[in-house]
């Protein structure tokens, strides 16, 4: 990748308000990280989940329920609760979920990444709207 191409992508990141971008190709991978005004912070690492703003109408979490029960976005892009070619959600509120189950998808350009549950539970809440833009690590589902 040339310096001009890197400068191009850095400009696109600034216009989109992104702080990180990873580009992969046949010859390698490049990760750009911008700092400064206009850039959004990268999501916290998985081991340190981000707290959501409290919802005044929401009930308090029950014992054993917490941020570790969230299923997060595997990539940045558009969230879909159903596969675009099949229709119908992969999982519905109240469904029993096993570790490894596909709950939805994140579309990034021509790529579709499955949102996979990393633990078992009951699907309690879908946290993202269908077709919403999501970032890497954003919470998409809450399991009880």
N, C-alpha and C. Protein backbone atom coordinates (compact mmCIF):
# COMPACT_ATOMS: atom_id res chain seq x y z
N UNK A 1 0.86 -1.17 0.00
CA UNK A 1 0.00 0.00 0.00
C UNK A 1 0.90 1.23 0.00
N UNK A 2 0.55 2.17 -0.83
CA UNK A 2 1.37 3.39 -0.95
C UNK A 2 0.98 4.39 0.14
N UNK A 3 1.85 5.37 0.33
CA UNK A 3 1.57 6.44 1.29
C UNK A 3 0.31 7.21 0.89
N UNK A 4 0.11 7.40 -0.41
CA UNK A 4 -1.09 8.11 -0.89
C UNK A 4 -2.36 7.34 -0.52
N UNK A 5 -2.31 6.01 -0.65
CA UNK A 5 -3.47 5.19 -0.29
C UNK A 5 -3.75 5.26 1.21
N UNK A 6 -2.70 5.25 2.01
CA UNK A 6 -2.87 5.35 3.46
C UNK A 6 -3.47 6.70 3.82
N UNK A 7 -2.97 7.76 3.19
CA UNK A 7 -3.52 9.10 3.44
C UNK A 7 -4.99 9.17 3.01
N UNK A 8 -5.33 8.51 1.89
CA UNK A 8 -6.72 8.46 1.43
C UNK A 8 -7.60 7.82 2.50
N UNK A 9 -7.20 6.64 3.01
CA UNK A 9 -8.00 5.93 3.99
C UNK A 9 -8.09 6.71 5.31
N UNK A 10 -7.01 7.39 5.68
CA UNK A 10 -7.04 8.21 6.90
C UNK A 10 -8.06 9.34 6.73
N UNK A 11 -8.11 9.94 5.54
CA UNK A 11 -9.11 10.99 5.28
C UNK A 11 -10.52 10.45 5.34
N UNK A 12 -10.74 9.26 4.76
CA UNK A 12 -12.06 8.63 4.82
C UNK A 12 -12.45 8.33 6.26
N UNK A 13 -11.49 7.90 7.06
CA UNK A 13 -11.78 7.62 8.48
C UNK A 13 -12.21 8.89 9.19
N UNK A 14 -11.50 9.99 8.94
CA UNK A 14 -11.87 11.27 9.58
C UNK A 14 -13.28 11.70 9.18
N UNK A 15 -13.60 11.59 7.88
CA UNK A 15 -14.94 11.97 7.40
C UNK A 15 -16.02 11.11 8.03
N UNK A 16 -15.72 9.82 8.25
CA UNK A 16 -16.71 8.89 8.82
C UNK A 16 -16.70 8.92 10.34
N UNK A 17 -15.74 9.63 10.97
CA UNK A 17 -15.67 9.68 12.42
C UNK A 17 -15.14 8.40 13.04
N UNK A 18 -14.32 7.65 12.31
CA UNK A 18 -13.77 6.40 12.82
C UNK A 18 -12.39 6.62 13.42
N UNK A 19 -12.06 5.83 14.43
CA UNK A 19 -10.72 5.92 15.01
C UNK A 19 -9.85 4.75 14.58
N UNK A 20 -10.46 3.65 14.13
CA UNK A 20 -9.69 2.48 13.71
C UNK A 20 -10.26 1.92 12.42
N UNK A 21 -9.35 1.40 11.59
CA UNK A 21 -9.73 0.74 10.35
C UNK A 21 -8.70 -0.33 10.07
N UNK A 22 -9.16 -1.52 9.73
CA UNK A 22 -8.26 -2.61 9.37
C UNK A 22 -8.59 -3.05 7.95
N UNK A 23 -7.55 -3.10 7.12
CA UNK A 23 -7.70 -3.48 5.72
C UNK A 23 -6.86 -4.73 5.50
N UNK A 24 -7.48 -5.78 4.97
CA UNK A 24 -6.76 -7.03 4.69
C UNK A 24 -6.76 -7.29 3.20
N UNK A 25 -5.67 -7.85 2.72
CA UNK A 25 -5.56 -8.21 1.32
C UNK A 25 -4.69 -9.43 1.16
N UNK A 26 -4.43 -9.79 -0.08
CA UNK A 26 -3.63 -10.98 -0.34
C UNK A 26 -2.20 -10.84 0.16
N UNK A 27 -1.69 -9.62 0.17
CA UNK A 27 -0.28 -9.41 0.54
C UNK A 27 -0.09 -9.03 2.00
N UNK A 28 -1.16 -8.85 2.74
CA UNK A 28 -1.00 -8.51 4.15
C UNK A 28 -2.19 -7.78 4.71
N UNK A 29 -1.96 -7.19 5.87
CA UNK A 29 -3.01 -6.50 6.58
C UNK A 29 -2.45 -5.19 7.13
N UNK A 30 -3.27 -4.14 7.09
CA UNK A 30 -2.89 -2.83 7.59
C UNK A 30 -3.95 -2.37 8.57
N UNK A 31 -3.51 -1.88 9.72
CA UNK A 31 -4.44 -1.35 10.72
C UNK A 31 -4.07 0.11 10.96
N UNK A 32 -5.04 0.99 10.73
CA UNK A 32 -4.85 2.42 10.95
C UNK A 32 -5.58 2.82 12.21
N UNK A 33 -4.91 3.59 13.06
CA UNK A 33 -5.52 4.09 14.29
C UNK A 33 -5.29 5.58 14.33
N UNK A 34 -6.38 6.35 14.36
CA UNK A 34 -6.31 7.80 14.42
C UNK A 34 -6.57 8.27 15.84
N UNK A 35 -5.92 9.33 16.21
CA UNK A 35 -6.18 9.96 17.50
C UNK A 35 -6.53 11.42 17.23
N UNK A 36 -7.27 12.02 18.16
CA UNK A 36 -7.56 13.43 18.02
C UNK A 36 -9.03 13.70 17.81
N UNK A 37 -9.33 14.95 17.49
CA UNK A 37 -10.72 15.40 17.35
C UNK A 37 -11.40 14.69 16.21
N UNK A 38 -12.67 14.37 16.41
CA UNK A 38 -13.48 13.76 15.38
C UNK A 38 -13.40 12.25 15.33
N UNK A 39 -12.50 11.67 16.08
CA UNK A 39 -12.37 10.21 16.06
C UNK A 39 -13.09 9.64 17.28
N UNK A 40 -13.83 8.58 17.06
CA UNK A 40 -14.51 7.89 18.15
C UNK A 40 -13.54 6.94 18.81
N UNK A 41 -13.69 6.75 20.09
CA UNK A 41 -12.83 5.79 20.78
C UNK A 41 -13.17 4.38 20.37
N UNK A 42 -12.15 3.54 20.36
CA UNK A 42 -12.36 2.12 20.07
C UNK A 42 -13.11 1.50 21.23
N UNK A 43 -13.92 0.46 20.98
CA UNK A 43 -14.63 -0.19 22.07
C UNK A 43 -13.66 -0.80 23.07
N UNK A 44 -14.11 -0.89 24.30
CA UNK A 44 -13.28 -1.49 25.34
C UNK A 44 -13.04 -2.96 25.03
N UNK A 45 -11.91 -3.51 25.48
CA UNK A 45 -11.67 -4.92 25.25
C UNK A 45 -12.77 -5.78 25.84
N UNK A 46 -12.94 -6.97 25.30
CA UNK A 46 -14.01 -7.88 25.72
C UNK A 46 -13.94 -8.19 27.20
N UNK A 47 -12.74 -8.19 27.78
CA UNK A 47 -12.62 -8.50 29.19
C UNK A 47 -13.12 -7.36 30.08
N UNK A 48 -13.30 -6.17 29.51
CA UNK A 48 -13.81 -5.04 30.27
C UNK A 48 -15.01 -4.45 29.55
N UNK A 49 -16.21 -5.07 29.68
CA UNK A 49 -17.39 -4.62 28.94
C UNK A 49 -17.75 -3.18 29.24
N UNK A 50 -18.32 -2.51 28.25
CA UNK A 50 -18.76 -1.14 28.43
C UNK A 50 -20.12 -1.12 29.12
N UNK A 51 -20.28 -0.20 30.02
CA UNK A 51 -21.57 -0.06 30.70
C UNK A 51 -22.52 0.74 29.82
N UNK A 52 -23.78 0.34 29.80
CA UNK A 52 -24.80 1.09 29.08
C UNK A 52 -25.39 2.14 30.00
N UNK A 53 -25.89 3.22 29.40
CA UNK A 53 -26.59 4.23 30.19
C UNK A 53 -27.85 3.61 30.75
N UNK A 54 -28.16 3.88 32.01
CA UNK A 54 -29.36 3.27 32.58
C UNK A 54 -30.62 3.77 31.91
N UNK A 55 -31.56 2.87 31.72
CA UNK A 55 -32.86 3.18 31.15
C UNK A 55 -33.82 3.36 32.33
N UNK A 56 -34.41 4.56 32.47
CA UNK A 56 -35.28 4.80 33.62
C UNK A 56 -36.43 3.81 33.74
N UNK A 57 -36.89 3.25 32.61
CA UNK A 57 -38.01 2.31 32.64
C UNK A 57 -37.58 0.87 32.79
N UNK A 58 -36.28 0.62 32.80
CA UNK A 58 -35.80 -0.77 32.86
C UNK A 58 -35.76 -1.26 34.30
N UNK A 59 -35.89 -2.56 34.45
CA UNK A 59 -35.79 -3.16 35.77
C UNK A 59 -34.33 -3.45 36.09
N UNK A 60 -34.00 -3.52 37.35
CA UNK A 60 -32.63 -3.79 37.77
C UNK A 60 -32.26 -5.23 37.42
N UNK A 61 -30.98 -5.47 37.07
CA UNK A 61 -30.56 -6.83 36.76
C UNK A 61 -30.75 -7.75 37.95
N UNK A 62 -31.13 -8.98 37.68
CA UNK A 62 -31.29 -9.99 38.71
C UNK A 62 -29.93 -10.60 39.03
N UNK A 63 -29.85 -11.34 40.12
CA UNK A 63 -28.60 -12.00 40.50
C UNK A 63 -28.14 -12.90 39.37
N UNK A 64 -26.85 -12.85 39.07
CA UNK A 64 -26.29 -13.69 38.01
C UNK A 64 -26.45 -13.09 36.62
N UNK A 65 -27.13 -11.96 36.51
CA UNK A 65 -27.35 -11.33 35.22
C UNK A 65 -26.45 -10.11 35.16
N UNK A 66 -25.76 -9.93 34.08
CA UNK A 66 -24.89 -8.77 33.99
C UNK A 66 -24.34 -8.61 32.59
N UNK A 67 -23.33 -7.78 32.49
CA UNK A 67 -22.75 -7.47 31.20
C UNK A 67 -22.07 -8.68 30.57
N UNK A 68 -21.67 -9.67 31.37
CA UNK A 68 -21.04 -10.86 30.81
C UNK A 68 -22.05 -11.71 30.05
N UNK A 69 -23.31 -11.39 30.13
CA UNK A 69 -24.36 -12.14 29.42
C UNK A 69 -24.70 -11.48 28.09
N UNK A 70 -23.86 -10.57 27.63
CA UNK A 70 -24.10 -9.89 26.36
C UNK A 70 -23.42 -10.64 25.23
N UNK A 71 -24.06 -10.64 24.07
CA UNK A 71 -23.44 -11.17 22.86
C UNK A 71 -23.09 -9.94 22.03
N UNK A 72 -21.82 -9.85 21.64
CA UNK A 72 -21.31 -8.63 21.01
C UNK A 72 -21.04 -8.80 19.53
N UNK A 73 -20.96 -7.67 18.83
CA UNK A 73 -20.70 -7.66 17.39
C UNK A 73 -19.29 -8.17 17.09
N UNK A 74 -19.16 -9.08 16.12
CA UNK A 74 -17.85 -9.61 15.77
C UNK A 74 -17.07 -8.68 14.83
N UNK A 75 -17.72 -7.61 14.35
CA UNK A 75 -17.12 -6.73 13.36
C UNK A 75 -17.93 -5.43 13.34
N UNK A 76 -17.50 -4.45 12.58
CA UNK A 76 -18.31 -3.25 12.39
C UNK A 76 -19.08 -3.39 11.09
N UNK A 77 -20.25 -2.80 11.03
CA UNK A 77 -21.08 -2.86 9.83
C UNK A 77 -22.54 -2.71 10.18
N UNK A 78 -23.42 -3.26 9.34
CA UNK A 78 -24.87 -3.20 9.56
C UNK A 78 -25.33 -4.49 10.21
N UNK A 79 -26.10 -4.34 11.29
CA UNK A 79 -26.63 -5.48 12.02
C UNK A 79 -27.90 -5.99 11.34
N UNK A 80 -28.02 -7.32 11.25
CA UNK A 80 -29.23 -7.96 10.73
C UNK A 80 -29.59 -9.11 11.65
N UNK A 81 -30.83 -9.16 12.10
CA UNK A 81 -31.29 -10.25 12.93
C UNK A 81 -31.61 -11.50 12.14
N UNK A 82 -31.66 -11.37 10.81
CA UNK A 82 -31.96 -12.50 9.93
C UNK A 82 -30.97 -12.51 8.78
N UNK A 83 -30.74 -13.68 8.21
CA UNK A 83 -29.90 -13.78 7.02
C UNK A 83 -30.64 -13.11 5.87
N UNK A 84 -29.98 -12.26 5.09
CA UNK A 84 -30.67 -11.52 4.02
C UNK A 84 -31.36 -12.39 2.98
N UNK A 85 -30.90 -13.61 2.78
CA UNK A 85 -31.52 -14.46 1.76
C UNK A 85 -32.55 -15.42 2.33
N UNK A 86 -32.64 -15.52 3.65
CA UNK A 86 -33.59 -16.47 4.23
C UNK A 86 -34.79 -15.80 4.87
N UNK A 87 -34.62 -14.60 5.41
CA UNK A 87 -35.71 -13.93 6.09
C UNK A 87 -36.04 -14.59 7.41
N UNK A 88 -36.78 -13.94 8.24
CA UNK A 88 -37.13 -14.47 9.55
C UNK A 88 -35.93 -14.44 10.48
N UNK A 89 -36.11 -14.02 11.72
CA UNK A 89 -34.97 -13.90 12.64
C UNK A 89 -34.35 -15.26 12.95
N UNK A 90 -33.05 -15.24 13.21
CA UNK A 90 -32.34 -16.46 13.60
C UNK A 90 -32.79 -16.91 14.99
N UNK A 91 -33.11 -15.96 15.85
CA UNK A 91 -33.54 -16.27 17.22
C UNK A 91 -34.58 -15.25 17.66
N UNK A 92 -35.51 -15.68 18.48
CA UNK A 92 -36.57 -14.80 18.98
C UNK A 92 -36.48 -14.70 20.50
N UNK A 93 -37.02 -13.61 21.03
CA UNK A 93 -37.05 -13.41 22.48
C UNK A 93 -37.67 -14.65 23.12
N UNK A 94 -37.00 -15.15 24.15
CA UNK A 94 -37.49 -16.32 24.87
C UNK A 94 -36.88 -17.63 24.40
N UNK A 95 -36.24 -17.63 23.22
CA UNK A 95 -35.62 -18.86 22.71
C UNK A 95 -34.47 -19.29 23.62
N UNK A 96 -34.29 -20.58 23.75
CA UNK A 96 -33.15 -21.15 24.46
C UNK A 96 -31.96 -21.12 23.51
N UNK A 97 -30.86 -20.53 23.92
CA UNK A 97 -29.67 -20.35 23.10
C UNK A 97 -28.55 -21.21 23.67
N UNK A 98 -27.85 -21.90 22.81
CA UNK A 98 -26.68 -22.68 23.20
C UNK A 98 -25.42 -21.97 22.70
N UNK A 99 -24.31 -22.16 23.39
CA UNK A 99 -23.04 -21.60 22.93
C UNK A 99 -22.78 -22.10 21.51
N UNK A 100 -22.43 -21.19 20.61
CA UNK A 100 -22.19 -21.56 19.21
C UNK A 100 -23.37 -21.31 18.30
N UNK A 101 -24.55 -21.01 18.85
CA UNK A 101 -25.72 -20.71 18.01
C UNK A 101 -25.53 -19.37 17.29
N UNK A 102 -26.00 -19.31 16.05
CA UNK A 102 -25.99 -18.06 15.29
C UNK A 102 -27.24 -17.28 15.67
N UNK A 103 -27.04 -16.03 16.10
CA UNK A 103 -28.16 -15.18 16.52
C UNK A 103 -28.53 -14.13 15.48
N UNK A 104 -27.57 -13.72 14.68
CA UNK A 104 -27.79 -12.68 13.68
C UNK A 104 -26.54 -12.53 12.84
N UNK A 105 -26.44 -11.38 12.15
CA UNK A 105 -25.32 -11.16 11.23
C UNK A 105 -24.91 -9.70 11.26
N UNK A 106 -23.65 -9.45 10.94
CA UNK A 106 -23.14 -8.10 10.73
C UNK A 106 -22.60 -8.06 9.31
N UNK A 107 -23.14 -7.14 8.52
CA UNK A 107 -22.76 -6.98 7.11
C UNK A 107 -21.76 -5.85 7.00
N UNK A 108 -20.57 -6.16 6.48
CA UNK A 108 -19.53 -5.16 6.24
C UNK A 108 -19.14 -5.25 4.77
N UNK A 109 -19.67 -4.34 3.97
CA UNK A 109 -19.44 -4.40 2.53
C UNK A 109 -20.04 -5.68 1.98
N UNK A 110 -19.25 -6.44 1.21
CA UNK A 110 -19.79 -7.68 0.65
C UNK A 110 -19.74 -8.86 1.63
N UNK A 111 -19.20 -8.64 2.81
CA UNK A 111 -19.01 -9.72 3.78
C UNK A 111 -20.15 -9.76 4.80
N UNK A 112 -20.53 -10.97 5.18
CA UNK A 112 -21.56 -11.18 6.19
C UNK A 112 -20.95 -12.04 7.29
N UNK A 113 -20.83 -11.48 8.50
CA UNK A 113 -20.24 -12.22 9.62
C UNK A 113 -21.35 -12.64 10.57
N UNK A 114 -21.34 -13.90 10.96
CA UNK A 114 -22.33 -14.42 11.90
C UNK A 114 -22.07 -13.88 13.30
N UNK A 115 -23.15 -13.54 14.01
CA UNK A 115 -23.07 -13.18 15.42
C UNK A 115 -23.33 -14.48 16.18
N UNK A 116 -22.32 -14.96 16.87
CA UNK A 116 -22.38 -16.28 17.49
C UNK A 116 -22.39 -16.13 19.01
N UNK A 117 -23.33 -16.82 19.66
CA UNK A 117 -23.40 -16.81 21.13
C UNK A 117 -22.18 -17.53 21.69
N UNK A 118 -21.51 -16.89 22.64
CA UNK A 118 -20.35 -17.54 23.25
C UNK A 118 -20.71 -18.22 24.57
N UNK A 119 -21.98 -18.17 24.94
CA UNK A 119 -22.45 -18.88 26.13
C UNK A 119 -23.94 -19.19 25.96
N UNK A 120 -24.42 -20.10 26.78
CA UNK A 120 -25.83 -20.52 26.70
C UNK A 120 -26.70 -19.61 27.56
N UNK A 121 -27.98 -19.59 27.27
CA UNK A 121 -28.94 -18.82 28.04
C UNK A 121 -30.24 -18.69 27.28
N UNK A 122 -31.12 -17.85 27.79
CA UNK A 122 -32.40 -17.55 27.13
C UNK A 122 -32.29 -16.16 26.55
N UNK A 123 -32.70 -15.99 25.28
CA UNK A 123 -32.63 -14.68 24.65
C UNK A 123 -33.62 -13.74 25.33
N UNK A 124 -33.09 -12.74 26.01
CA UNK A 124 -33.92 -11.82 26.77
C UNK A 124 -34.19 -10.52 26.03
N UNK A 125 -33.23 -10.08 25.22
CA UNK A 125 -33.38 -8.76 24.60
C UNK A 125 -32.48 -8.65 23.38
N UNK A 126 -33.01 -8.02 22.33
CA UNK A 126 -32.21 -7.64 21.17
C UNK A 126 -31.88 -6.16 21.38
N UNK A 127 -30.59 -5.83 21.46
CA UNK A 127 -30.17 -4.49 21.85
C UNK A 127 -29.94 -3.55 20.67
N UNK A 128 -29.89 -4.10 19.45
CA UNK A 128 -29.65 -3.26 18.27
C UNK A 128 -30.85 -3.37 17.33
N UNK A 129 -31.15 -2.25 16.67
CA UNK A 129 -32.21 -2.25 15.67
C UNK A 129 -31.71 -2.93 14.40
N UNK A 130 -32.60 -3.57 13.66
CA UNK A 130 -32.22 -4.19 12.41
C UNK A 130 -31.72 -3.12 11.44
N UNK A 131 -30.64 -3.38 10.75
CA UNK A 131 -29.97 -2.49 9.79
C UNK A 131 -29.23 -1.34 10.45
N UNK A 132 -29.12 -1.35 11.79
CA UNK A 132 -28.37 -0.30 12.48
C UNK A 132 -26.87 -0.50 12.26
N UNK A 133 -26.13 0.61 12.20
CA UNK A 133 -24.68 0.53 12.13
C UNK A 133 -24.16 0.18 13.52
N UNK A 134 -23.30 -0.81 13.59
CA UNK A 134 -22.72 -1.23 14.87
C UNK A 134 -21.20 -1.27 14.74
N UNK A 135 -20.53 -1.14 15.87
CA UNK A 135 -19.08 -1.21 15.90
C UNK A 135 -18.62 -2.53 16.49
N UNK A 136 -17.35 -2.83 16.29
CA UNK A 136 -16.78 -4.05 16.85
C UNK A 136 -16.98 -4.05 18.36
N UNK A 137 -17.53 -5.12 18.88
CA UNK A 137 -17.71 -5.25 20.32
C UNK A 137 -18.98 -4.64 20.87
N UNK A 138 -19.76 -3.98 20.03
CA UNK A 138 -21.02 -3.40 20.52
C UNK A 138 -21.96 -4.52 20.97
N UNK A 139 -22.68 -4.33 22.08
CA UNK A 139 -23.64 -5.35 22.52
C UNK A 139 -24.83 -5.42 21.58
N UNK A 140 -25.17 -6.64 21.14
CA UNK A 140 -26.29 -6.84 20.22
C UNK A 140 -27.44 -7.60 20.86
N UNK A 141 -27.12 -8.53 21.76
CA UNK A 141 -28.13 -9.38 22.41
C UNK A 141 -27.79 -9.49 23.89
N UNK A 142 -28.86 -9.68 24.69
CA UNK A 142 -28.67 -9.98 26.12
C UNK A 142 -29.33 -11.32 26.40
N UNK A 143 -28.57 -12.19 27.03
CA UNK A 143 -29.08 -13.50 27.41
C UNK A 143 -29.29 -13.54 28.92
N UNK A 144 -30.34 -14.24 29.37
CA UNK A 144 -30.56 -14.49 30.80
C UNK A 144 -30.06 -15.87 31.13
